[in-house]
PDB file of N, CA and C in Angstrom:
ATOM      1  N   MET A   1       0.841  -1.182   0.000  1.00  0.00           N
ATOM      2  CA  MET A   1       0.000   0.000   0.000  1.00  0.00           C
ATOM      3  C   MET A   1       0.880   1.236   0.000  1.00  0.00           C
ATOM      4  N   ALA A   2       0.560   2.175  -0.846  1.00  0.00           N
ATOM      5  CA  ALA A   2       1.320   3.415  -0.928  1.00  0.00           C
ATOM      6  C   ALA A   2       0.986   4.301   0.268  1.00  0.00           C
ATOM      7  N   LYS A   3       1.972   5.075   0.709  1.00  0.00           N
ATOM      8  CA  LYS A   3       1.770   5.971   1.838  1.00  0.00           C
ATOM      9  C   LYS A   3       0.868   7.122   1.405  1.00  0.00           C
ATOM     10  N   VAL A   4      -0.091   7.447   2.239  1.00  0.00           N
ATOM     11  CA  VAL A   4      -1.033   8.521   1.958  1.00  0.00           C
ATOM     12  C   VAL A   4      -0.529   9.786   2.648  1.00  0.00           C
ATOM     13  N   ASN A   5      -0.445  10.872   1.902  1.00  0.00           N
ATOM     14  CA  ASN A   5       0.038  12.135   2.448  1.00  0.00           C
ATOM     15  C   ASN A   5      -1.110  12.998   2.944  1.00  0.00           C
ATOM     16  N   ILE A   6      -2.005  12.412   3.712  1.00  0.00           N
ATOM     17  CA  ILE A   6      -3.097  13.155   4.335  1.00  0.00           C
ATOM     18  C   ILE A   6      -2.967  12.940   5.837  1.00  0.00           C
ATOM     19  N   LYS A   7      -2.855  14.015   6.598  1.00  0.00           N
ATOM     20  CA  LYS A   7      -2.734  13.928   8.050  1.00  0.00           C
ATOM     21  C   LYS A   7      -3.954  14.585   8.674  1.00  0.00           C
ATOM     22  N   PRO A   8      -4.837  13.797   9.300  1.00  0.00           N
ATOM     23  CA  PRO A   8      -6.012  14.379   9.945  1.00  0.00           C
ATOM     24  C   PRO A   8      -5.606  15.267  11.123  1.00  0.00           C
ATOM     25  N   LEU A   9      -6.381  16.292  11.375  1.00  0.00           N
ATOM     26  CA  LEU A   9      -6.107  17.220  12.466  1.00  0.00           C
ATOM     27  C   LEU A   9      -7.026  16.949  13.652  1.00  0.00           C
ATOM     28  N   GLY A  10      -6.565  17.274  14.835  1.00  0.00           N
ATOM     29  CA  GLY A  10      -7.383  17.175  16.044  1.00  0.00           C
ATOM     30  C   GLY A  10      -7.892  15.776  16.289  1.00  0.00           C
ATOM     31  N   ASP A  11      -9.192  15.662  16.471  1.00  0.00           N
ATOM     32  CA  ASP A  11      -9.796  14.359  16.780  1.00  0.00           C
ATOM     33  C   ASP A  11     -10.367  13.682  15.535  1.00  0.00           C
ATOM     34  N   ARG A  12      -9.763  13.923  14.392  1.00  0.00           N
ATOM     35  CA  ARG A  12     -10.213  13.327  13.131  1.00  0.00           C
ATOM     36  C   ARG A  12      -9.399  12.076  12.811  1.00  0.00           C
ATOM     37  N   VAL A  13     -10.015  11.179  12.019  1.00  0.00           N
ATOM     38  CA  VAL A  13      -9.394   9.914  11.623  1.00  0.00           C
ATOM     39  C   VAL A  13      -9.615   9.722  10.132  1.00  0.00           C
ATOM     40  N   LEU A  14      -8.563   9.303   9.409  1.00  0.00           N
ATOM     41  CA  LEU A  14      -8.652   9.015   7.983  1.00  0.00           C
ATOM     42  C   LEU A  14      -8.926   7.530   7.806  1.00  0.00           C
ATOM     43  N   LEU A  15      -9.984   7.204   7.063  1.00  0.00           N
ATOM     44  CA  LEU A  15     -10.408   5.819   6.871  1.00  0.00           C
ATOM     45  C   LEU A  15     -10.402   5.446   5.400  1.00  0.00           C
ATOM     46  N   GLU A  16     -10.131   4.166   5.145  1.00  0.00           N
ATOM     47  CA  GLU A  16     -10.200   3.625   3.791  1.00  0.00           C
ATOM     48  C   GLU A  16     -11.285   2.553   3.778  1.00  0.00           C
ATOM     49  N   SER A  17     -12.140   2.601   2.781  1.00  0.00           N
ATOM     50  CA  SER A  17     -13.241   1.652   2.672  1.00  0.00           C
ATOM     51  C   SER A  17     -12.725   0.241   2.431  1.00  0.00           C
ATOM     52  N   CYS A  18     -13.360  -0.717   3.065  1.00  0.00           N
ATOM     53  CA  CYS A  18     -13.030  -2.128   2.849  1.00  0.00           C
ATOM     54  C   CYS A  18     -14.002  -2.666   1.814  1.00  0.00           C
ATOM     55  N   GLU A  19     -13.472  -3.193   0.745  1.00  0.00           N
ATOM     56  CA  GLU A  19     -14.316  -3.754  -0.298  1.00  0.00           C
ATOM     57  C   GLU A  19     -14.910  -5.068   0.195  1.00  0.00           C
ATOM     58  N   VAL A  20     -16.230  -5.136   0.179  1.00  0.00           N
ATOM     59  CA  VAL A  20     -16.925  -6.342   0.601  1.00  0.00           C
ATOM     60  C   VAL A  20     -17.302  -7.123  -0.642  1.00  0.00           C
ATOM     61  N   SER A  21     -16.906  -8.394  -0.681  1.00  0.00           N
ATOM     62  CA  SER A  21     -17.254  -9.201  -1.851  1.00  0.00           C
ATOM     63  C   SER A  21     -18.753  -9.449  -1.838  1.00  0.00           C
ATOM     64  N   GLU A  22     -19.368  -9.307  -2.989  1.00  0.00           N
ATOM     65  CA  GLU A  22     -20.815  -9.426  -3.086  1.00  0.00           C
ATOM     66  C   GLU A  22     -21.182 -10.567  -4.014  1.00  0.00           C
ATOM     67  N   GLN A  23     -22.036 -11.446  -3.530  1.00  0.00           N
ATOM     68  CA  GLN A  23     -22.533 -12.528  -4.367  1.00  0.00           C
ATOM     69  C   GLN A  23     -23.924 -12.140  -4.843  1.00  0.00           C
ATOM     70  N   ILE A  24     -24.118 -12.231  -6.131  1.00  0.00           N
ATOM     71  CA  ILE A  24     -25.404 -11.878  -6.704  1.00  0.00           C
ATOM     72  C   ILE A  24     -26.208 -13.165  -6.867  1.00  0.00           C
ATOM     73  N   LYS A  25     -27.388 -13.200  -6.236  1.00  0.00           N
ATOM     74  CA  LYS A  25     -28.246 -14.383  -6.310  1.00  0.00           C
ATOM     75  C   LYS A  25     -29.402 -14.108  -7.253  1.00  0.00           C
ATOM     76  N   GLY A  26     -29.772 -15.081  -8.015  1.00  0.00           N
ATOM     77  CA  GLY A  26     -30.921 -14.957  -8.892  1.00  0.00           C
ATOM     78  C   GLY A  26     -30.653 -14.142 -10.143  1.00  0.00           C
ATOM     79  N   GLY A  27     -29.416 -13.780 -10.394  1.00  0.00           N
ATOM     80  CA  GLY A  27     -29.071 -13.062 -11.608  1.00  0.00           C
ATOM     81  C   GLY A  27     -29.434 -11.591 -11.603  1.00  0.00           C
ATOM     82  N   ILE A  28     -29.865 -11.053 -10.460  1.00  0.00           N
ATOM     83  CA  ILE A  28     -30.224  -9.639 -10.396  1.00  0.00           C
ATOM     84  C   ILE A  28     -28.964  -8.834 -10.106  1.00  0.00           C
ATOM     85  N   VAL A  29     -28.709  -7.842 -10.931  1.00  0.00           N
ATOM     86  CA  VAL A  29     -27.549  -6.984 -10.757  1.00  0.00           C
ATOM     87  C   VAL A  29     -28.015  -5.659 -10.182  1.00  0.00           C
ATOM     88  N   ILE A  30     -27.424  -5.279  -9.046  1.00  0.00           N
ATOM     89  CA  ILE A  30     -27.773  -4.013  -8.406  1.00  0.00           C
ATOM     90  C   ILE A  30     -26.733  -2.982  -8.815  1.00  0.00           C
ATOM     91  N   PRO A  31     -27.157  -1.859  -9.419  1.00  0.00           N
ATOM     92  CA  PRO A  31     -26.181  -0.848  -9.832  1.00  0.00           C
ATOM     93  C   PRO A  31     -25.493  -0.218  -8.617  1.00  0.00           C
ATOM     94  N   ASP A  32     -24.271   0.284  -8.833  1.00  0.00           N
ATOM     95  CA  ASP A  32     -23.497   0.885  -7.742  1.00  0.00           C
ATOM     96  C   ASP A  32     -24.244   2.020  -7.057  1.00  0.00           C
ATOM     97  N   SER A  33     -25.026   2.767  -7.802  1.00  0.00           N
ATOM     98  CA  SER A  33     -25.740   3.902  -7.223  1.00  0.00           C
ATOM     99  C   SER A  33     -26.835   3.468  -6.243  1.00  0.00           C
ATOM    100  N   ALA A  34     -27.301   2.225  -6.335  1.00  0.00           N
ATOM    101  CA  ALA A  34     -28.368   1.743  -5.460  1.00  0.00           C
ATOM    102  C   ALA A  34     -27.829   0.963  -4.260  1.00  0.00           C
ATOM    103  N   LYS A  35     -26.541   0.662  -4.256  1.00  0.00           N
ATOM    104  CA  LYS A  35     -25.963  -0.105  -3.161  1.00  0.00           C
ATOM    105  C   LYS A  35     -25.723   0.780  -1.955  1.00  0.00           C
ATOM    106  N   GLU A  36     -25.846   0.185  -0.775  1.00  0.00           N
ATOM    107  CA  GLU A  36     -25.535   0.929   0.439  1.00  0.00           C
ATOM    108  C   GLU A  36     -24.031   1.041   0.585  1.00  0.00           C
ATOM    109  N   LYS A  37     -23.592   2.155   1.114  1.00  0.00           N
ATOM    110  CA  LYS A  37     -22.165   2.358   1.325  1.00  0.00           C
ATOM    111  C   LYS A  37     -21.711   1.499   2.505  1.00  0.00           C
ATOM    112  N   PRO A  38     -20.491   0.987   2.442  1.00  0.00           N
ATOM    113  CA  PRO A  38     -20.011   0.162   3.554  1.00  0.00           C
ATOM    114  C   PRO A  38     -19.816   1.007   4.803  1.00  0.00           C
ATOM    115  N   GLN A  39     -19.945   0.372   5.947  1.00  0.00           N
ATOM    116  CA  GLN A  39     -19.739   1.052   7.205  1.00  0.00           C
ATOM    117  C   GLN A  39     -18.501   0.510   7.911  1.00  0.00           C
ATOM    118  N   GLU A  40     -17.787  -0.408   7.273  1.00  0.00           N
ATOM    119  CA  GLU A  40     -16.569  -0.961   7.844  1.00  0.00           C
ATOM    120  C   GLU A  40     -15.375  -0.379   7.097  1.00  0.00           C
ATOM    121  N   TYR A  41     -14.431   0.160   7.861  1.00  0.00           N
ATOM    122  CA  TYR A  41     -13.284   0.849   7.285  1.00  0.00           C
ATOM    123  C   TYR A  41     -11.994   0.442   7.981  1.00  0.00           C
ATOM    124  N   LYS A  42     -10.882   0.689   7.292  1.00  0.00           N
ATOM    125  CA  LYS A  42      -9.562   0.485   7.867  1.00  0.00           C
ATOM    126  C   LYS A  42      -8.989   1.858   8.204  1.00  0.00           C
ATOM    127  N   VAL A  43      -8.433   1.996   9.417  1.00  0.00           N
ATOM    128  CA  VAL A  43      -7.842   3.263   9.843  1.00  0.00           C
ATOM    129  C   VAL A  43      -6.498   3.442   9.144  1.00  0.00           C
ATOM    130  N   ILE A  44      -6.343   4.549   8.419  1.00  0.00           N
ATOM    131  CA  ILE A  44      -5.124   4.846   7.669  1.00  0.00           C
ATOM    132  C   ILE A  44      -4.248   5.846   8.413  1.00  0.00           C
ATOM    133  N   ALA A  45      -4.843   6.853   9.038  1.00  0.00           N
ATOM    134  CA  ALA A  45      -4.101   7.870   9.781  1.00  0.00           C
ATOM    135  C   ALA A  45      -4.984   8.420  10.894  1.00  0.00           C
ATOM    136  N   VAL A  46      -4.335   8.878  11.978  1.00  0.00           N
ATOM    137  CA  VAL A  46      -5.053   9.374  13.154  1.00  0.00           C
ATOM    138  C   VAL A  46      -4.508  10.750  13.514  1.00  0.00           C
ATOM    139  N   GLY A  47      -5.399  11.656  13.894  1.00  0.00           N
ATOM    140  CA  GLY A  47      -4.985  12.991  14.327  1.00  0.00           C
ATOM    141  C   GLY A  47      -4.325  12.946  15.700  1.00  0.00           C
ATOM    142  N   THR A  48      -3.963  14.104  16.202  1.00  0.00           N
ATOM    143  CA  THR A  48      -3.248  14.195  17.477  1.00  0.00           C
ATOM    144  C   THR A  48      -4.160  14.097  18.685  1.00  0.00           C
ATOM    145  N   GLY A  49      -5.450  14.253  18.514  1.00  0.00           N
ATOM    146  CA  GLY A  49      -6.401  14.201  19.617  1.00  0.00           C
ATOM    147  C   GLY A  49      -6.973  15.573  19.914  1.00  0.00           C
ATOM    148  N   LYS A  50      -8.051  15.567  20.661  1.00  0.00           N
ATOM    149  CA  LYS A  50      -8.745  16.796  21.006  1.00  0.00           C
ATOM    150  C   LYS A  50      -8.179  17.341  22.318  1.00  0.00           C
ATOM    151  N   THR A  51      -8.214  18.639  22.493  1.00  0.00           N
ATOM    152  CA  THR A  51      -7.772  19.260  23.734  1.00  0.00           C
ATOM    153  C   THR A  51      -8.996  19.507  24.614  1.00  0.00           C
ATOM    154  N   ASN A  52      -8.938  19.042  25.879  1.00  0.00           N
ATOM    155  CA  ASN A  52     -10.077  19.239  26.779  1.00  0.00           C
ATOM    156  C   ASN A  52     -10.027  20.628  27.416  1.00  0.00           C
ATOM    157  N   ASP A  53     -10.954  20.907  28.327  1.00  0.00           N
ATOM    158  CA  ASP A  53     -11.058  22.229  28.955  1.00  0.00           C
ATOM    159  C   ASP A  53      -9.839  22.578  29.798  1.00  0.00           C
ATOM    160  N   LYS A  54      -9.108  21.584  30.259  1.00  0.00           N
ATOM    161  CA  LYS A  54      -7.922  21.813  31.090  1.00  0.00           C
ATOM    162  C   LYS A  54      -6.659  21.987  30.251  1.00  0.00           C
ATOM    163  N   GLY A  55      -6.782  21.909  28.924  1.00  0.00           N
ATOM    164  CA  GLY A  55      -5.637  22.064  28.045  1.00  0.00           C
ATOM    165  C   GLY A  55      -4.861  20.785  27.815  1.00  0.00           C
ATOM    166  N   GLU A  56      -5.400  19.650  28.260  1.00  0.00           N
ATOM    167  CA  GLU A  56      -4.737  18.347  28.092  1.00  0.00           C
ATOM    168  C   GLU A  56      -5.243  17.671  26.832  1.00  0.00           C
ATOM    169  N   LYS A  57      -4.348  16.970  26.140  1.00  0.00           N
ATOM    170  CA  LYS A  57      -4.746  16.210  24.952  1.00  0.00           C
ATOM    171  C   LYS A  57      -5.479  14.941  25.389  1.00  0.00           C
ATOM    172  N   VAL A  58      -6.613  14.670  24.757  1.00  0.00           N
ATOM    173  CA  VAL A  58      -7.379  13.450  25.011  1.00  0.00           C
ATOM    174  C   VAL A  58      -6.979  12.448  23.937  1.00  0.00           C
ATOM    175  N   ALA A  59      -6.486  11.291  24.357  1.00  0.00           N
ATOM    176  CA  ALA A  59      -6.006  10.281  23.409  1.00  0.00           C
ATOM    177  C   ALA A  59      -7.155   9.724  22.577  1.00  0.00           C
ATOM    178  N   ILE A  60      -6.825   9.316  21.355  1.00  0.00           N
ATOM    179  CA  ILE A  60      -7.800   8.692  20.459  1.00  0.00           C
ATOM    180  C   ILE A  60      -7.705   7.181  20.643  1.00  0.00           C
ATOM    181  N   ASP A  61      -8.857   6.518  20.729  1.00  0.00           N
ATOM    182  CA  ASP A  61      -8.913   5.087  21.051  1.00  0.00           C
ATOM    183  C   ASP A  61      -8.534   4.160  19.906  1.00  0.00           C
ATOM    184  N   VAL A  62      -8.459   4.661  18.693  1.00  0.00           N
ATOM    185  CA  VAL A  62      -8.119   3.802  17.554  1.00  0.00           C
ATOM    186  C   VAL A  62      -6.696   4.085  17.103  1.00  0.00           C
ATOM    187  N   LYS A  63      -6.104   3.104  16.413  1.00  0.00           N
ATOM    188  CA  LYS A  63      -4.751   3.277  15.889  1.00  0.00           C
ATOM    189  C   LYS A  63      -4.726   2.844  14.432  1.00  0.00           C
ATOM    190  N   VAL A  64      -3.665   3.201  13.739  1.00  0.00           N
ATOM    191  CA  VAL A  64      -3.519   2.852  12.330  1.00  0.00           C
ATOM    192  C   VAL A  64      -3.561   1.335  12.185  1.00  0.00           C
ATOM    193  N   GLY A  65      -4.361   0.856  11.235  1.00  0.00           N
ATOM    194  CA  GLY A  65      -4.497  -0.571  10.975  1.00  0.00           C
ATOM    195  C   GLY A  65      -5.743  -1.186  11.575  1.00  0.00           C
ATOM    196  N   ASP A  66      -6.392  -0.507  12.530  1.00  0.00           N
ATOM    197  CA  ASP A  66      -7.625  -1.024  13.128  1.00  0.00           C
ATOM    198  C   ASP A  66      -8.741  -1.057  12.091  1.00  0.00           C
ATOM    199  N   MET A  67      -9.635  -2.022  12.235  1.00  0.00           N
ATOM    200  CA  MET A  67     -10.861  -2.085  11.444  1.00  0.00           C
ATOM    201  C   MET A  67     -11.968  -1.525  12.323  1.00  0.00           C
ATOM    202  N   VAL A  68     -12.737  -0.568  11.797  1.00  0.00           N
ATOM    203  CA  VAL A  68     -13.754   0.101  12.595  1.00  0.00           C
ATOM    204  C   VAL A  68     -15.097   0.145  11.874  1.00  0.00           C
ATOM    205  N   LEU A  69     -16.147   0.320  12.662  1.00  0.00           N
ATOM    206  CA  LEU A  69     -17.492   0.564  12.137  1.00  0.00           C
ATOM    207  C   LEU A  69     -17.827   2.021  12.402  1.00  0.00           C
ATOM    208  N   THR A  70     -18.411   2.683  11.409  1.00  0.00           N
ATOM    209  CA  THR A  70     -18.755   4.094  11.567  1.00  0.00           C
ATOM    210  C   THR A  70     -20.252   4.295  11.416  1.00  0.00           C
ATOM    211  N   SER A  71     -20.703   5.486  11.833  1.00  0.00           N
ATOM    212  CA  SER A  71     -22.096   5.825  11.608  1.00  0.00           C
ATOM    213  C   SER A  71     -22.306   5.973  10.097  1.00  0.00           C
ATOM    214  N   LYS A  72     -23.510   5.714   9.666  1.00  0.00           N
ATOM    215  CA  LYS A  72     -23.793   5.632   8.237  1.00  0.00           C
ATOM    216  C   LYS A  72     -23.534   6.927   7.477  1.00  0.00           C
ATOM    217  N   TYR A  73     -23.910   8.056   8.039  1.00  0.00           N
ATOM    218  CA  TYR A  73     -23.833   9.313   7.288  1.00  0.00           C
ATOM    219  C   TYR A  73     -22.766  10.272   7.806  1.00  0.00           C
ATOM    220  N   GLY A  74     -21.931   9.846   8.730  1.00  0.00           N
ATOM    221  CA  GLY A  74     -20.922  10.737   9.297  1.00  0.00           C
ATOM    222  C   GLY A  74     -19.710  10.890   8.390  1.00  0.00           C
ATOM    223  N   GLY A  75     -18.964  11.951   8.614  1.00  0.00           N
ATOM    224  CA  GLY A  75     -17.695  12.137   7.929  1.00  0.00           C
ATOM    225  C   GLY A  75     -17.793  12.834   6.591  1.00  0.00           C
ATOM    226  N   THR A  76     -16.604  13.038   6.013  1.00  0.00           N
ATOM    227  CA  THR A  76     -16.474  13.689   4.711  1.00  0.00           C
ATOM    228  C   THR A  76     -15.685  12.790   3.782  1.00  0.00           C
ATOM    229  N   GLU A  77     -16.221  12.553   2.601  1.00  0.00           N
ATOM    230  CA  GLU A  77     -15.528  11.704   1.634  1.00  0.00           C
ATOM    231  C   GLU A  77     -14.555  12.552   0.826  1.00  0.00           C
ATOM    232  N   VAL A  78     -13.330  12.034   0.645  1.00  0.00           N
ATOM    233  CA  VAL A  78     -12.315  12.729  -0.142  1.00  0.00           C
ATOM    234  C   VAL A  78     -11.697  11.747  -1.128  1.00  0.00           C
ATOM    235  N   LYS A  79     -11.216  12.282  -2.250  1.00  0.00           N
ATOM    236  CA  LYS A  79     -10.545  11.459  -3.250  1.00  0.00           C
ATOM    237  C   LYS A  79      -9.112  11.951  -3.358  1.00  0.00           C
ATOM    238  N   PHE A  80      -8.141  11.032  -3.248  1.00  0.00           N
ATOM    239  CA  PHE A  80      -6.729  11.374  -3.292  1.00  0.00           C
ATOM    240  C   PHE A  80      -6.000  10.283  -4.058  1.00  0.00           C
ATOM    241  N   ASN A  81      -5.265  10.655  -5.111  1.00  0.00           N
ATOM    242  CA  ASN A  81      -4.549   9.683  -5.953  1.00  0.00           C
ATOM    243  C   ASN A  81      -5.472   8.563  -6.439  1.00  0.00           C
ATOM    244  N   ASP A  82      -6.645   8.924  -6.918  1.00  0.00           N
ATOM    245  CA  ASP A  82      -7.634   7.989  -7.474  1.00  0.00           C
ATOM    246  C   ASP A  82      -8.165   6.973  -6.468  1.00  0.00           C
ATOM    247  N   LYS A  83      -8.010   7.207  -5.185  1.00  0.00           N
ATOM    248  CA  LYS A  83      -8.593   6.345  -4.151  1.00  0.00           C
ATOM    249  C   LYS A  83      -9.535   7.182  -3.310  1.00  0.00           C
ATOM    250  N   GLU A  84     -10.591   6.554  -2.828  1.00  0.00           N
ATOM    251  CA  GLU A  84     -11.566   7.272  -2.013  1.00  0.00           C
ATOM    252  C   GLU A  84     -11.331   6.968  -0.538  1.00  0.00           C
ATOM    253  N   TYR A  85     -11.351   8.034   0.261  1.00  0.00           N
ATOM    254  CA  TYR A  85     -11.165   7.942   1.701  1.00  0.00           C
ATOM    255  C   TYR A  85     -12.299   8.676   2.385  1.00  0.00           C
ATOM    256  N   LYS A  86     -12.385   8.491   3.691  1.00  0.00           N
ATOM    257  CA  LYS A  86     -13.380   9.184   4.478  1.00  0.00           C
ATOM    258  C   LYS A  86     -12.682   9.745   5.709  1.00  0.00           C
ATOM    259  N   ILE A  87     -12.923  11.013   6.012  1.00  0.00           N
ATOM    260  CA  ILE A  87     -12.384  11.630   7.217  1.00  0.00           C
ATOM    261  C   ILE A  87     -13.543  11.810   8.183  1.00  0.00           C
ATOM    262  N   VAL A  88     -13.406  11.213   9.373  1.00  0.00           N
ATOM    263  CA  VAL A  88     -14.475  11.264  10.360  1.00  0.00           C
ATOM    264  C   VAL A  88     -13.948  11.781  11.685  1.00  0.00           C
ATOM    265  N   SER A  89     -14.851  12.294  12.483  1.00  0.00           N
ATOM    266  CA  SER A  89     -14.538  12.649  13.855  1.00  0.00           C
ATOM    267  C   SER A  89     -14.545  11.352  14.676  1.00  0.00           C
ATOM    268  N   VAL A  90     -13.808  11.335  15.760  1.00  0.00           N
ATOM    269  CA  VAL A  90     -13.768  10.148  16.615  1.00  0.00           C
ATOM    270  C   VAL A  90     -15.170   9.764  17.078  1.00  0.00           C
ATOM    271  N   GLU A  91     -16.048  10.746  17.283  1.00  0.00           N
ATOM    272  CA  GLU A  91     -17.417  10.465  17.732  1.00  0.00           C
ATOM    273  C   GLU A  91     -18.219   9.646  16.708  1.00  0.00           C
ATOM    274  N   ASP A  92     -17.808   9.687  15.424  1.00  0.00           N
ATOM    275  CA  ASP A  92     -18.515   8.936  14.389  1.00  0.00           C
ATOM    276  C   ASP A  92     -18.082   7.471  14.329  1.00  0.00           C
ATOM    277  N   ILE A  93     -17.022   7.103  15.043  1.00  0.00           N
ATOM    278  CA  ILE A  93     -16.576   5.702  15.080  1.00  0.00           C
ATOM    279  C   ILE A  93     -17.348   5.007  16.188  1.00  0.00           C
ATOM    280  N   LEU A  94     -18.058   3.952  15.802  1.00  0.00           N
ATOM    281  CA  LEU A  94     -18.932   3.250  16.743  1.00  0.00           C
ATOM    282  C   LEU A  94     -18.240   2.097  17.450  1.00  0.00           C
ATOM    283  N   ALA A  95     -17.334   1.388  16.750  1.00  0.00           N
ATOM    284  CA  ALA A  95     -16.716   0.201  17.339  1.00  0.00           C
ATOM    285  C   ALA A  95     -15.462  -0.186  16.582  1.00  0.00           C
ATOM    286  N   ILE A  96     -14.578  -0.911  17.266  1.00  0.00           N
ATOM    287  CA  ILE A  96     -13.422  -1.532  16.629  1.00  0.00           C
ATOM    288  C   ILE A  96     -13.791  -2.985  16.365  1.00  0.00           C
ATOM    289  N   VAL A  97     -13.576  -3.450  15.141  1.00  0.00           N
ATOM    290  CA  VAL A  97     -13.949  -4.804  14.756  1.00  0.00           C
ATOM    291  C   VAL A  97     -12.742  -5.723  14.958  1.00  0.00           C
ATOM    292  N   GLY A  98     -12.994  -6.875  15.534  1.00  0.00           N
ATOM    293  CA  GLY A  98     -11.946  -7.880  15.703  1.00  0.00           C
ATOM    294  C   GLY A  98     -11.183  -7.647  16.925  1.00  0.00           C
TER     295      GLY A  98
END
């Protein structure tokens, strides 16, 4: 995997979509525009964390390489070097998978 030159700021996390293999049953083909977006992602980069009211950095619970589940509509989608990524706030990450 090529190194991505995107560094999230604060409590943001850069995610890469995990391609889910899809089996088509009954010969029905669902166009890409009608498919639901995946909610499982791989963490590519992590910001430095948020600063609390006391001026202390709050650590982020995920690390690079973790597989995570996110809220369905959270984050911002970005395209970099012909690959699609998603930048989300830590609050949009629901769970670490595995």
